[in-house]
PDB file of N, CA and C in Angstrom:
ATOM      1  N   MET A   1      48.718 -86.924 -34.067  1.00  0.00           N
ATOM      2  CA  MET A   1      48.073 -85.912 -34.932  1.00  0.00           C
ATOM      3  C   MET A   1      47.910 -84.946 -33.885  1.00  0.00           C
ATOM      4  N   ASN A   2      48.009 -83.831 -34.012  1.00  0.00           N
ATOM      5  CA  ASN A   2      47.464 -82.612 -33.164  1.00  0.00           C
ATOM      6  C   ASN A   2      46.204 -82.375 -32.957  1.00  0.00           C
ATOM      7  N   ASP A   3      45.933 -81.898 -31.830  1.00  0.00           N
ATOM      8  CA  ASP A   3      44.428 -81.621 -31.831  1.00  0.00           C
ATOM      9  C   ASP A   3      44.224 -80.303 -32.127  1.00  0.00           C
ATOM     10  N   PRO A   4      43.742 -80.225 -33.156  1.00  0.00           N
ATOM     11  CA  PRO A   4      43.651 -78.247 -33.825  1.00  0.00           C
ATOM     12  C   PRO A   4      42.943 -77.509 -33.043  1.00  0.00           C
ATOM     13  N   GLY A   5      42.210 -77.904 -31.815  1.00  0.00           N
ATOM     14  CA  GLY A   5      41.768 -76.939 -31.057  1.00  0.00           C
ATOM     15  C   GLY A   5      42.661 -76.761 -29.724  1.00  0.00           C
ATOM     16  N   ARG A   6      43.922 -77.511 -29.694  1.00  0.00           N
ATOM     17  CA  ARG A   6      44.787 -77.236 -28.605  1.00  0.00           C
ATOM     18  C   ARG A   6      46.086 -76.570 -29.078  1.00  0.00           C
ATOM     19  N   GLU A   7      46.293 -75.256 -28.584  1.00  0.00           N
ATOM     20  CA  GLU A   7      47.778 -74.801 -29.158  1.00  0.00           C
ATOM     21  C   GLU A   7      48.795 -75.197 -28.361  1.00  0.00           C
ATOM     22  N   LYS A   8      49.892 -75.667 -29.182  1.00  0.00           N
ATOM     23  CA  LYS A   8      51.088 -76.285 -28.429  1.00  0.00           C
ATOM     24  C   LYS A   8      51.489 -75.154 -27.987  1.00  0.00           C
ATOM     25  N   PRO A   9      52.404 -75.048 -26.766  1.00  0.00           N
ATOM     26  CA  PRO A   9      53.496 -74.106 -25.985  1.00  0.00           C
ATOM     27  C   PRO A   9      54.504 -73.838 -26.993  1.00  0.00           C
ATOM     28  N   GLN A  10      54.739 -72.434 -27.278  1.00  0.00           N
ATOM     29  CA  GLN A  10      55.855 -71.922 -28.330  1.00  0.00           C
ATOM     30  C   GLN A  10      57.184 -71.465 -26.988  1.00  0.00           C
ATOM     31  N   GLY A  11      58.337 -71.294 -28.008  1.00  0.00           N
ATOM     32  CA  GLY A  11      59.547 -70.600 -27.316  1.00  0.00           C
ATOM     33  C   GLY A  11      59.717 -71.236 -25.807  1.00  0.00           C
ATOM     34  N   LEU A  12      59.869 -69.913 -24.834  1.00  0.00           N
ATOM     35  CA  LEU A  12      60.323 -70.409 -23.390  1.00  0.00           C
ATOM     36  C   LEU A  12      59.678 -71.539 -22.804  1.00  0.00           C
ATOM     37  N   LYS A  13      57.853 -71.358 -22.906  1.00  0.00           N
ATOM     38  CA  LYS A  13      57.138 -72.175 -22.143  1.00  0.00           C
ATOM     39  C   LYS A  13      57.188 -73.414 -22.746  1.00  0.00           C
ATOM     40  N   ARG A  14      57.335 -73.823 -24.369  1.00  0.00           N
ATOM     41  CA  ARG A  14      57.650 -75.136 -24.529  1.00  0.00           C
ATOM     42  C   ARG A  14      58.961 -75.556 -23.940  1.00  0.00           C
ATOM     43  N   LEU A  15      60.095 -74.950 -23.739  1.00  0.00           N
ATOM     44  CA  LEU A  15      61.206 -75.412 -22.924  1.00  0.00           C
ATOM     45  C   LEU A  15      61.255 -75.783 -21.562  1.00  0.00           C
ATOM     46  N   LEU A  16      60.246 -74.645 -20.875  1.00  0.00           N
ATOM     47  CA  LEU A  16      60.152 -75.255 -19.400  1.00  0.00           C
ATOM     48  C   LEU A  16      59.195 -76.295 -19.255  1.00  0.00           C
ATOM     49  N   ASN A  17      58.268 -76.737 -20.219  1.00  0.00           N
ATOM     50  CA  ASN A  17      57.560 -77.708 -20.125  1.00  0.00           C
ATOM     51  C   ASN A  17      58.755 -78.817 -20.236  1.00  0.00           C
ATOM     52  N   ALA A  18      59.453 -78.826 -21.407  1.00  0.00           N
ATOM     53  CA  ALA A  18      60.338 -79.810 -21.561  1.00  0.00           C
ATOM     54  C   ALA A  18      61.133 -80.360 -20.476  1.00  0.00           C
ATOM     55  N   PHE A  19      61.860 -79.326 -20.041  1.00  0.00           N
ATOM     56  CA  PHE A  19      62.335 -79.562 -18.820  1.00  0.00           C
ATOM     57  C   PHE A  19      61.687 -80.195 -17.464  1.00  0.00           C
ATOM     58  N   ARG A  20      60.514 -79.666 -17.366  1.00  0.00           N
ATOM     59  CA  ARG A  20      59.696 -80.118 -16.159  1.00  0.00           C
ATOM     60  C   ARG A  20      59.351 -81.751 -16.429  1.00  0.00           C
ATOM     61  N   ASN A  21      58.889 -82.151 -17.994  1.00  0.00           N
ATOM     62  CA  ASN A  21      58.518 -83.742 -18.287  1.00  0.00           C
ATOM     63  C   ASN A  21      59.735 -84.337 -18.033  1.00  0.00           C
ATOM     64  N   THR A  22      61.029 -83.718 -18.305  1.00  0.00           N
ATOM     65  CA  THR A  22      61.972 -84.548 -18.413  1.00  0.00           C
ATOM     66  C   THR A  22      62.386 -84.715 -16.557  1.00  0.00           C
ATOM     67  N   LYS A  23      62.129 -84.179 -16.025  1.00  0.00           N
ATOM     68  CA  LYS A  23      62.446 -83.756 -14.632  1.00  0.00           C
ATOM     69  C   LYS A  23      61.360 -85.310 -13.971  1.00  0.00           C
ATOM     70  N   LEU A  24      60.383 -84.978 -14.225  1.00  0.00           N
ATOM     71  CA  LEU A  24      59.306 -85.946 -14.261  1.00  0.00           C
ATOM     72  C   LEU A  24      59.772 -87.564 -14.621  1.00  0.00           C
ATOM     73  N   GLY A  25      60.170 -87.771 -15.602  1.00  0.00           N
ATOM     74  CA  GLY A  25      60.691 -88.584 -16.365  1.00  0.00           C
ATOM     75  C   GLY A  25      61.720 -89.490 -15.492  1.00  0.00           C
ATOM     76  N   PHE A  26      62.633 -88.592 -15.117  1.00  0.00           N
ATOM     77  CA  PHE A  26      63.752 -89.274 -14.432  1.00  0.00           C
ATOM     78  C   PHE A  26      63.322 -89.849 -12.912  1.00  0.00           C
ATOM     79  N   GLU A  27      62.656 -88.693 -12.429  1.00  0.00           N
ATOM     80  CA  GLU A  27      61.633 -89.367 -11.291  1.00  0.00           C
ATOM     81  C   GLU A  27      61.263 -90.408 -11.058  1.00  0.00           C
ATOM     82  N   GLY A  28      60.214 -90.741 -12.160  1.00  0.00           N
ATOM     83  CA  GLY A  28      59.705 -91.777 -12.416  1.00  0.00           C
ATOM     84  C   GLY A  28      60.338 -93.184 -12.442  1.00  0.00           C
ATOM     85  N   ALA A  29      61.481 -92.760 -13.492  1.00  0.00           N
ATOM     86  CA  ALA A  29      62.620 -94.206 -13.647  1.00  0.00           C
ATOM     87  C   ALA A  29      63.171 -94.229 -12.502  1.00  0.00           C
ATOM     88  N   TRP A  30      63.511 -93.161 -11.566  1.00  0.00           N
ATOM     89  CA  TRP A  30      64.283 -93.761 -10.360  1.00  0.00           C
ATOM     90  C   TRP A  30      63.459 -94.089  -9.393  1.00  0.00           C
ATOM     91  N   ARG A  31      61.968 -93.714  -9.314  1.00  0.00           N
ATOM     92  CA  ARG A  31      61.054 -94.508  -8.323  1.00  0.00           C
ATOM     93  C   ARG A  31      60.835 -95.994  -8.767  1.00  0.00           C
ATOM     94  N   GLU A  32      60.083 -95.892 -10.104  1.00  0.00           N
ATOM     95  CA  GLU A  32      59.374 -97.339 -10.585  1.00  0.00           C
ATOM     96  C   GLU A  32      60.408 -98.367 -11.071  1.00  0.00           C
ATOM     97  N   GLU A  33      61.712 -97.951 -11.292  1.00  0.00           N
ATOM     98  CA  GLU A  33      62.737 -99.154 -12.060  1.00  0.00           C
ATOM     99  C   GLU A  33      63.967 -99.253 -11.310  1.00  0.00           C
ATOM    100  N   ALA A  34      64.040-100.651 -10.858  1.00  0.00           N
ATOM    101  CA  ALA A  34      65.132-101.050  -9.973  1.00  0.00           C
ATOM    102  C   ALA A  34      66.493-100.868 -11.230  1.00  0.00           C
ATOM    103  N   ALA A  35      66.103-101.295 -12.338  1.00  0.00           N
ATOM    104  CA  ALA A  35      67.102-101.729 -13.146  1.00  0.00           C
ATOM    105  C   ALA A  35      67.704-100.304 -13.357  1.00  0.00           C
ATOM    106  N   PHE A  36      67.112 -99.432 -13.327  1.00  0.00           N
ATOM    107  CA  PHE A  36      67.887 -97.687 -13.843  1.00  0.00           C
ATOM    108  C   PHE A  36      68.220 -97.395 -12.613  1.00  0.00           C
ATOM    109  N   ARG A  37      67.948 -97.561 -11.064  1.00  0.00           N
ATOM    110  CA  ARG A  37      68.778 -97.485 -10.339  1.00  0.00           C
ATOM    111  C   ARG A  37      70.128 -98.134 -10.287  1.00  0.00           C
ATOM    112  N   GLN A  38      69.791 -99.519 -10.419  1.00  0.00           N
ATOM    113  CA  GLN A  38      71.256-100.518 -10.413  1.00  0.00           C
ATOM    114  C   GLN A  38      72.150 -99.837 -11.592  1.00  0.00           C
ATOM    115  N   GLU A  39      71.654 -99.432 -12.685  1.00  0.00           N
ATOM    116  CA  GLU A  39      72.232 -98.773 -13.716  1.00  0.00           C
ATOM    117  C   GLU A  39      72.928 -97.818 -13.598  1.00  0.00           C
ATOM    118  N   CYS A  40      72.684 -96.643 -12.631  1.00  0.00           N
ATOM    119  CA  CYS A  40      72.980 -95.456 -12.429  1.00  0.00           C
ATOM    120  C   CYS A  40      73.885 -95.757 -11.130  1.00  0.00           C
ATOM    121  N   ALA A  41      73.549 -96.772 -10.172  1.00  0.00           N
ATOM    122  CA  ALA A  41      74.938 -96.952  -9.282  1.00  0.00           C
ATOM    123  C   ALA A  41      76.273 -97.518 -10.108  1.00  0.00           C
ATOM    124  N   LEU A  42      76.069 -98.248 -11.513  1.00  0.00           N
ATOM    125  CA  LEU A  42      77.162 -98.848 -11.910  1.00  0.00           C
ATOM    126  C   LEU A  42      77.915 -97.398 -12.655  1.00  0.00           C
ATOM    127  N   ALA A  43      76.806 -96.514 -13.207  1.00  0.00           N
ATOM    128  CA  ALA A  43      77.335 -95.335 -13.535  1.00  0.00           C
ATOM    129  C   ALA A  43      78.400 -94.307 -12.796  1.00  0.00           C
ATOM    130  N   LEU A  44      77.721 -94.810 -11.602  1.00  0.00           N
ATOM    131  CA  LEU A  44      78.706 -93.976 -10.442  1.00  0.00           C
ATOM    132  C   LEU A  44      80.252 -94.391 -10.216  1.00  0.00           C
ATOM    133  N   VAL A  45      80.280 -95.592 -11.107  1.00  0.00           N
ATOM    134  CA  VAL A  45      81.678 -96.429 -10.928  1.00  0.00           C
ATOM    135  C   VAL A  45      81.876 -95.916 -12.505  1.00  0.00           C
ATOM    136  N   VAL A  46      81.368 -96.340 -13.405  1.00  0.00           N
ATOM    137  CA  VAL A  46      82.045 -96.284 -14.732  1.00  0.00           C
ATOM    138  C   VAL A  46      82.428 -94.919 -15.269  1.00  0.00           C
ATOM    139  N   VAL A  47      81.677 -93.816 -14.797  1.00  0.00           N
ATOM    140  CA  VAL A  47      82.024 -92.553 -15.566  1.00  0.00           C
ATOM    141  C   VAL A  47      83.089 -91.953 -15.140  1.00  0.00           C
ATOM    142  N   PRO A  48      83.454 -91.938 -13.364  1.00  0.00           N
ATOM    143  CA  PRO A  48      84.775 -91.541 -13.048  1.00  0.00           C
ATOM    144  C   PRO A  48      85.560 -92.396 -13.670  1.00  0.00           C
ATOM    145  N   ALA A  49      85.670 -93.643 -13.358  1.00  0.00           N
ATOM    146  CA  ALA A  49      86.985 -94.741 -14.124  1.00  0.00           C
ATOM    147  C   ALA A  49      87.207 -94.331 -15.430  1.00  0.00           C
ATOM    148  N   GLY A  50      86.151 -94.049 -16.450  1.00  0.00           N
ATOM    149  CA  GLY A  50      86.385 -93.789 -18.156  1.00  0.00           C
ATOM    150  C   GLY A  50      87.174 -92.772 -17.743  1.00  0.00           C
ATOM    151  N   PHE A  51      86.882 -91.589 -17.271  1.00  0.00           N
ATOM    152  CA  PHE A  51      87.727 -90.360 -17.323  1.00  0.00           C
ATOM    153  C   PHE A  51      89.022 -90.713 -16.511  1.00  0.00           C
ATOM    154  N   TRP A  52      89.327 -91.895 -15.626  1.00  0.00           N
ATOM    155  CA  TRP A  52      90.772 -91.913 -15.051  1.00  0.00           C
ATOM    156  C   TRP A  52      91.461 -92.456 -15.795  1.00  0.00           C
ATOM    157  N   PHE A  53      90.826 -93.867 -16.773  1.00  0.00           N
ATOM    158  CA  PHE A  53      91.867 -94.543 -17.470  1.00  0.00           C
ATOM    159  C   PHE A  53      91.646 -94.271 -18.755  1.00  0.00           C
ATOM    160  N   GLY A  54      91.045 -93.205 -19.627  1.00  0.00           N
ATOM    161  CA  GLY A  54      91.227 -92.842 -20.625  1.00  0.00           C
ATOM    162  C   GLY A  54      92.284 -91.962 -20.545  1.00  0.00           C
ATOM    163  N   ASN A  55      92.910 -91.591 -21.492  1.00  0.00           N
ATOM    164  CA  ASN A  55      94.245 -91.156 -21.655  1.00  0.00           C
ATOM    165  C   ASN A  55      93.798 -89.885 -22.769  1.00  0.00           C
ATOM    166  N   THR A  56      93.021 -89.917 -23.584  1.00  0.00           N
ATOM    167  CA  THR A  56      92.574 -88.977 -24.648  1.00  0.00           C
ATOM    168  C   THR A  56      91.213 -88.511 -24.450  1.00  0.00           C
ATOM    169  N   GLY A  57      90.778 -87.384 -24.964  1.00  0.00           N
ATOM    170  CA  GLY A  57      89.139 -87.559 -25.463  1.00  0.00           C
ATOM    171  C   GLY A  57      88.674 -88.483 -25.836  1.00  0.00           C
ATOM    172  N   ILE A  58      88.890 -89.023 -26.532  1.00  0.00           N
ATOM    173  CA  ILE A  58      88.443 -90.245 -27.918  1.00  0.00           C
ATOM    174  C   ILE A  58      88.325 -91.356 -26.861  1.00  0.00           C
ATOM    175  N   GLU A  59      89.330 -91.636 -26.065  1.00  0.00           N
ATOM    176  CA  GLU A  59      89.306 -92.784 -25.280  1.00  0.00           C
ATOM    177  C   GLU A  59      88.604 -92.584 -24.062  1.00  0.00           C
ATOM    178  N   ARG A  60      88.548 -91.324 -23.564  1.00  0.00           N
ATOM    179  CA  ARG A  60      87.246 -90.882 -22.344  1.00  0.00           C
ATOM    180  C   ARG A  60      85.705 -91.375 -22.968  1.00  0.00           C
ATOM    181  N   ALA A  61      85.784 -90.600 -23.850  1.00  0.00           N
ATOM    182  CA  ALA A  61      84.382 -90.627 -24.910  1.00  0.00           C
ATOM    183  C   ALA A  61      83.971 -92.053 -24.831  1.00  0.00           C
ATOM    184  N   LEU A  62      85.079 -92.649 -25.267  1.00  0.00           N
ATOM    185  CA  LEU A  62      84.544 -94.411 -25.815  1.00  0.00           C
ATOM    186  C   LEU A  62      84.463 -95.182 -24.640  1.00  0.00           C
ATOM    187  N   LEU A  63      84.896 -94.791 -22.935  1.00  0.00           N
ATOM    188  CA  LEU A  63      84.667 -95.770 -22.048  1.00  0.00           C
ATOM    189  C   LEU A  63      83.533 -94.975 -21.357  1.00  0.00           C
ATOM    190  N   VAL A  64      83.261 -93.689 -21.500  1.00  0.00           N
ATOM    191  CA  VAL A  64      81.774 -93.112 -20.835  1.00  0.00           C
ATOM    192  C   VAL A  64      80.797 -93.048 -21.613  1.00  0.00           C
ATOM    193  N   GLY A  65      80.609 -92.800 -22.837  1.00  0.00           N
ATOM    194  CA  GLY A  65      79.630 -92.770 -23.830  1.00  0.00           C
ATOM    195  C   GLY A  65      78.592 -94.007 -23.693  1.00  0.00           C
ATOM    196  N   PRO A  66      79.224 -95.025 -23.486  1.00  0.00           N
ATOM    197  CA  PRO A  66      78.283 -96.297 -23.990  1.00  0.00           C
ATOM    198  C   PRO A  66      77.775 -96.486 -22.369  1.00  0.00           C
ATOM    199  N   MET A  67      77.993 -96.307 -21.302  1.00  0.00           N
ATOM    200  CA  MET A  67      77.391 -96.120 -20.448  1.00  0.00           C
ATOM    201  C   MET A  67      76.218 -94.958 -19.954  1.00  0.00           C
ATOM    202  N   ILE A  68      76.604 -93.823 -20.996  1.00  0.00           N
ATOM    203  CA  ILE A  68      75.397 -93.110 -20.904  1.00  0.00           C
ATOM    204  C   ILE A  68      74.559 -93.430 -21.791  1.00  0.00           C
ATOM    205  N   LEU A  69      75.019 -94.197 -22.787  1.00  0.00           N
ATOM    206  CA  LEU A  69      73.541 -95.010 -23.601  1.00  0.00           C
ATOM    207  C   LEU A  69      72.860 -95.868 -23.305  1.00  0.00           C
ATOM    208  N   VAL A  70      73.803 -96.869 -22.299  1.00  0.00           N
ATOM    209  CA  VAL A  70      72.764 -97.774 -20.912  1.00  0.00           C
ATOM    210  C   VAL A  70      71.316 -97.127 -20.746  1.00  0.00           C
ATOM    211  N   LEU A  71      72.130 -95.992 -20.089  1.00  0.00           N
ATOM    212  CA  LEU A  71      71.016 -94.998 -19.111  1.00  0.00           C
ATOM    213  C   LEU A  71      69.773 -94.918 -20.117  1.00  0.00           C
ATOM    214  N   ILE A  72      70.369 -94.407 -21.251  1.00  0.00           N
ATOM    215  CA  ILE A  72      69.213 -93.865 -22.320  1.00  0.00           C
ATOM    216  C   ILE A  72      68.457 -95.099 -23.069  1.00  0.00           C
ATOM    217  N   ILE A  73      69.072 -96.305 -22.955  1.00  0.00           N
ATOM    218  CA  ILE A  73      67.976 -97.416 -23.783  1.00  0.00           C
ATOM    219  C   ILE A  73      67.401 -97.937 -22.507  1.00  0.00           C
ATOM    220  N   GLU A  74      67.990 -97.648 -21.467  1.00  0.00           N
ATOM    221  CA  GLU A  74      66.964 -98.184 -20.220  1.00  0.00           C
ATOM    222  C   GLU A  74      65.613 -97.637 -20.004  1.00  0.00           C
ATOM    223  N   LEU A  75      65.817 -96.115 -20.385  1.00  0.00           N
ATOM    224  CA  LEU A  75      64.816 -95.138 -20.059  1.00  0.00           C
ATOM    225  C   LEU A  75      63.683 -95.795 -21.618  1.00  0.00           C
ATOM    226  N   LEU A  76      64.461 -95.702 -22.490  1.00  0.00           N
ATOM    227  CA  LEU A  76      63.217 -96.049 -23.470  1.00  0.00           C
ATOM    228  C   LEU A  76      62.675 -97.762 -23.189  1.00  0.00           C
ATOM    229  N   ASN A  77      63.172 -98.578 -23.000  1.00  0.00           N
ATOM    230  CA  ASN A  77      62.884 -99.834 -22.346  1.00  0.00           C
ATOM    231  C   ASN A  77      61.920 -99.575 -21.482  1.00  0.00           C
ATOM    232  N   SER A  78      62.104 -98.696 -20.380  1.00  0.00           N
ATOM    233  CA  SER A  78      60.900 -98.824 -19.588  1.00  0.00           C
ATOM    234  C   SER A  78      59.574 -98.170 -19.907  1.00  0.00           C
ATOM    235  N   ALA A  79      59.837 -97.155 -21.004  1.00  0.00           N
ATOM    236  CA  ALA A  79      58.681 -96.492 -21.372  1.00  0.00           C
ATOM    237  C   ALA A  79      57.919 -97.554 -22.082  1.00  0.00           C
ATOM    238  N   VAL A  80      58.775 -98.145 -23.063  1.00  0.00           N
ATOM    239  CA  VAL A  80      57.792 -99.459 -24.090  1.00  0.00           C
ATOM    240  C   VAL A  80      57.271-100.277 -22.529  1.00  0.00           C
ATOM    241  N   GLU A  81      57.811-100.791 -21.903  1.00  0.00           N
ATOM    242  CA  GLU A  81      56.983-101.825 -20.657  1.00  0.00           C
ATOM    243  C   GLU A  81      55.756-100.671 -20.160  1.00  0.00           C
ATOM    244  N   ALA A  82      56.125 -99.692 -19.744  1.00  0.00           N
ATOM    245  CA  ALA A  82      55.073 -98.568 -19.286  1.00  0.00           C
ATOM    246  C   ALA A  82      53.493 -98.804 -20.163  1.00  0.00           C
ATOM    247  N   ALA A  83      54.177 -98.356 -21.354  1.00  0.00           N
ATOM    248  CA  ALA A  83      53.354 -98.487 -22.508  1.00  0.00           C
ATOM    249  C   ALA A  83      52.252 -99.751 -22.346  1.00  0.00           C
ATOM    250  N   ILE A  84      53.004-101.032 -22.481  1.00  0.00           N
ATOM    251  CA  ILE A  84      52.524-102.148 -22.779  1.00  0.00           C
ATOM    252  C   ILE A  84      51.647-102.428 -21.750  1.00  0.00           C
ATOM    253  N   ASP A  85      52.237-101.859 -20.385  1.00  0.00           N
ATOM    254  CA  ASP A  85      51.418-102.578 -19.122  1.00  0.00           C
ATOM    255  C   ASP A  85      49.889-101.828 -19.147  1.00  0.00           C
ATOM    256  N   ARG A  86      50.277-100.350 -19.767  1.00  0.00           N
ATOM    257  CA  ARG A  86      48.773 -99.638 -19.584  1.00  0.00           C
ATOM    258  C   ARG A  86      47.836-100.042 -20.985  1.00  0.00           C
ATOM    259  N   ILE A  87      48.249-100.644 -21.942  1.00  0.00           N
ATOM    260  CA  ILE A  87      47.052-101.456 -22.323  1.00  0.00           C
ATOM    261  C   ILE A  87      46.310-102.599 -22.292  1.00  0.00           C
ATOM    262  N   GLY A  88      47.009-103.404 -21.076  1.00  0.00           N
ATOM    263  CA  GLY A  88      46.261-104.121 -20.587  1.00  0.00           C
ATOM    264  C   GLY A  88      47.075-105.286 -20.030  1.00  0.00           C
ATOM    265  N   THR A  89      46.484-106.159 -19.131  1.00  0.00           N
ATOM    266  CA  THR A  89      47.207-107.363 -18.047  1.00  0.00           C
ATOM    267  C   THR A  89      47.598-108.380 -18.675  1.00  0.00           C
ATOM    268  N   GLU A  90      46.423-108.799 -19.851  1.00  0.00           N
ATOM    269  CA  GLU A  90      46.547-110.121 -20.470  1.00  0.00           C
ATOM    270  C   GLU A  90      47.916-110.278 -21.347  1.00  0.00           C
ATOM    271  N   ARG A  91      48.075-111.348 -21.091  1.00  0.00           N
ATOM    272  CA  ARG A  91      49.709-111.878 -21.973  1.00  0.00           C
ATOM    273  C   ARG A  91      49.242-112.121 -23.784  1.00  0.00           C
ATOM    274  N   HIS A  92      50.231-111.327 -24.175  1.00  0.00           N
ATOM    275  CA  HIS A  92      49.993-111.115 -25.709  1.00  0.00           C
ATOM    276  C   HIS A  92      51.292-111.464 -26.195  1.00  0.00           C
ATOM    277  N   PRO A  93      51.650-111.994 -27.672  1.00  0.00           N
ATOM    278  CA  PRO A  93      52.780-112.573 -27.966  1.00  0.00           C
ATOM    279  C   PRO A  93      53.650-111.037 -28.298  1.00  0.00           C
ATOM    280  N   LEU A  94      52.842-110.342 -28.852  1.00  0.00           N
ATOM    281  CA  LEU A  94      53.638-109.130 -29.248  1.00  0.00           C
ATOM    282  C   LEU A  94      53.880-107.993 -28.374  1.00  0.00           C
ATOM    283  N   SER A  95      53.088-108.062 -27.239  1.00  0.00           N
ATOM    284  CA  SER A  95      53.433-107.845 -25.805  1.00  0.00           C
ATOM    285  C   SER A  95      54.872-108.083 -25.342  1.00  0.00           C
ATOM    286  N   GLY A  96      54.950-109.585 -25.343  1.00  0.00           N
ATOM    287  CA  GLY A  96      56.396-110.104 -24.709  1.00  0.00           C
ATOM    288  C   GLY A  96      57.181-109.909 -25.742  1.00  0.00           C
ATOM    289  N   LEU A  97      56.859-109.771 -27.116  1.00  0.00           N
ATOM    290  CA  LEU A  97      57.832-109.403 -28.147  1.00  0.00           C
ATOM    291  C   LEU A  97      58.947-108.135 -27.693  1.00  0.00           C
ATOM    292  N   ALA A  98      57.926-107.076 -27.562  1.00  0.00           N
ATOM    293  CA  ALA A  98      58.452-105.831 -27.478  1.00  0.00           C
ATOM    294  C   ALA A  98      59.012-105.572 -26.106  1.00  0.00           C
ATOM    295  N   LYS A  99      58.572-106.160 -25.170  1.00  0.00           N
ATOM    296  CA  LYS A  99      59.116-106.238 -23.895  1.00  0.00           C
ATOM    297  C   LYS A  99      60.603-106.890 -23.892  1.00  0.00           C
ATOM    298  N   ASP A 100      60.724-108.092 -24.807  1.00  0.00           N
ATOM    299  CA  ASP A 100      61.961-108.530 -25.001  1.00  0.00           C
ATOM    300  C   ASP A 100      63.284-107.990 -25.895  1.00  0.00           C
ATOM    301  N   LEU A 101      62.201-107.373 -26.836  1.00  0.00           N
ATOM    302  CA  LEU A 101      63.069-106.309 -27.855  1.00  0.00           C
ATOM    303  C   LEU A 101      63.873-105.587 -27.209  1.00  0.00           C
ATOM    304  N   GLY A 102      63.149-104.643 -26.010  1.00  0.00           N
ATOM    305  CA  GLY A 102      63.694-103.734 -25.107  1.00  0.00           C
ATOM    306  C   GLY A 102      64.781-104.229 -24.388  1.00  0.00           C
ATOM    307  N   SER A 103      64.946-105.625 -23.903  1.00  0.00           N
ATOM    308  CA  SER A 103      65.744-106.117 -23.286  1.00  0.00           C
ATOM    309  C   SER A 103      66.966-106.241 -23.871  1.00  0.00           C
ATOM    310  N   ALA A 104      66.474-106.884 -25.024  1.00  0.00           N
ATOM    311  CA  ALA A 104      68.039-107.120 -26.006  1.00  0.00           C
ATOM    312  C   ALA A 104      68.578-105.915 -26.159  1.00  0.00           C
ATOM    313  N   ALA A 105      67.785-104.832 -26.390  1.00  0.00           N
ATOM    314  CA  ALA A 105      68.722-103.227 -26.574  1.00  0.00           C
ATOM    315  C   ALA A 105      69.472-103.031 -25.371  1.00  0.00           C
ATOM    316  N   VAL A 106      69.157-103.240 -24.139  1.00  0.00           N
ATOM    317  CA  VAL A 106      69.856-102.980 -23.138  1.00  0.00           C
ATOM    318  C   VAL A 106      70.858-103.608 -22.998  1.00  0.00           C
ATOM    319  N   PHE A 107      70.630-105.016 -23.275  1.00  0.00           N
ATOM    320  CA  PHE A 107      72.317-105.904 -23.152  1.00  0.00           C
ATOM    321  C   PHE A 107      73.165-105.388 -24.402  1.00  0.00           C
ATOM    322  N   GLY A 108      72.444-105.114 -25.732  1.00  0.00           N
ATOM    323  CA  GLY A 108      73.427-104.684 -26.590  1.00  0.00           C
ATOM    324  C   GLY A 108      74.418-103.378 -26.255  1.00  0.00           C
ATOM    325  N   GLY A 109      73.760-102.436 -25.396  1.00  0.00           N
ATOM    326  CA  GLY A 109      74.386-101.416 -24.873  1.00  0.00           C
ATOM    327  C   GLY A 109      75.355-101.922 -23.521  1.00  0.00           C
ATOM    328  N   PHE A 110      74.834-102.757 -23.402  1.00  0.00           N
ATOM    329  CA  PHE A 110      76.407-103.188 -22.117  1.00  0.00           C
ATOM    330  C   PHE A 110      77.335-104.180 -22.692  1.00  0.00           C
ATOM    331  N   VAL A 111      77.043-104.933 -24.246  1.00  0.00           N
ATOM    332  CA  VAL A 111      78.103-105.428 -24.652  1.00  0.00           C
ATOM    333  C   VAL A 111      78.765-104.149 -25.407  1.00  0.00           C
ATOM    334  N   LEU A 112      78.470-103.101 -25.700  1.00  0.00           N
ATOM    335  CA  LEU A 112      79.008-102.384 -26.342  1.00  0.00           C
ATOM    336  C   LEU A 112      79.811-101.604 -25.281  1.00  0.00           C
ATOM    337  N   LEU A 113      79.303-101.634 -23.953  1.00  0.00           N
ATOM    338  CA  LEU A 113      80.190-100.903 -22.871  1.00  0.00           C
ATOM    339  C   LEU A 113      81.627-101.765 -22.671  1.00  0.00           C
ATOM    340  N   ALA A 114      80.961-103.006 -22.532  1.00  0.00           N
ATOM    341  CA  ALA A 114      82.365-104.170 -22.383  1.00  0.00           C
ATOM    342  C   ALA A 114      83.501-104.325 -23.144  1.00  0.00           C
ATOM    343  N   LEU A 115      82.817-104.318 -24.483  1.00  0.00           N
ATOM    344  CA  LEU A 115      83.572-104.410 -25.633  1.00  0.00           C
ATOM    345  C   LEU A 115      84.488-103.145 -26.022  1.00  0.00           C
ATOM    346  N   ASN A 116      84.313-101.735 -25.413  1.00  0.00           N
ATOM    347  CA  ASN A 116      84.563-100.489 -25.553  1.00  0.00           C
ATOM    348  C   ASN A 116      85.928-100.678 -24.319  1.00  0.00           C
ATOM    349  N   TRP A 117      85.180-101.144 -22.990  1.00  0.00           N
ATOM    350  CA  TRP A 117      86.553-100.924 -22.212  1.00  0.00           C
ATOM    351  C   TRP A 117      87.495-101.808 -22.498  1.00  0.00           C
ATOM    352  N   LEU A 118      87.069-103.007 -22.899  1.00  0.00           N
ATOM    353  CA  LEU A 118      88.343-104.075 -23.157  1.00  0.00           C
ATOM    354  C   LEU A 118      89.216-103.593 -24.421  1.00  0.00           C
ATOM    355  N   LEU A 119      88.478-102.978 -25.513  1.00  0.00           N
ATOM    356  CA  LEU A 119      89.459-102.739 -26.775  1.00  0.00           C
ATOM    357  C   LEU A 119      90.310-101.119 -26.322  1.00  0.00           C
ATOM    358  N   VAL A 120      89.889-100.464 -25.400  1.00  0.00           N
ATOM    359  CA  VAL A 120      90.405 -99.135 -24.879  1.00  0.00           C
ATOM    360  C   VAL A 120      91.743 -99.596 -23.805  1.00  0.00           C
ATOM    361  N   LEU A 121      91.335-100.284 -22.960  1.00  0.00           N
ATOM    362  CA  LEU A 121      92.370-100.650 -22.159  1.00  0.00           C
ATOM    363  C   LEU A 121      93.668-101.832 -22.487  1.00  0.00           C
ATOM    364  N   THR A 122      93.011-102.486 -23.527  1.00  0.00           N
ATOM    365  CA  THR A 122      93.781-103.515 -23.963  1.00  0.00           C
ATOM    366  C   THR A 122      94.779-102.871 -25.371  1.00  0.00           C
ATOM    367  N   GLY A 123      94.293-102.261 -25.760  1.00  0.00           N
ATOM    368  CA  GLY A 123      94.903-101.380 -27.263  1.00  0.00           C
ATOM    369  C   GLY A 123      96.272-100.547 -27.148  1.00  0.00           C
TER     370      GLY A 123
END
């Protein structure tokens, strides 16, 4: 719910704030999340390879898109983990479940990536 006493930025200021927050998010993920750094390293191989091996625009999208999706899912997973860790350090089944679900989502992205590569390269 919005604070009625606080005006939200509009127009160009809102856009500039959004870009600043995006930059801070990427910097934080790079600094704090080893998994994000590892997935970025993988993307440095997968993305160019996807453009190289894809024969059509659709094939290139199918080879590259899931890698970008893995990075997006990892950012969301890291956000969930940070929020859970902010709440408290004590162990709670729901906190563990939230973190496990985020991890499962990242795994699902990797399954999609592998499946797309298998189907495009063998099809």
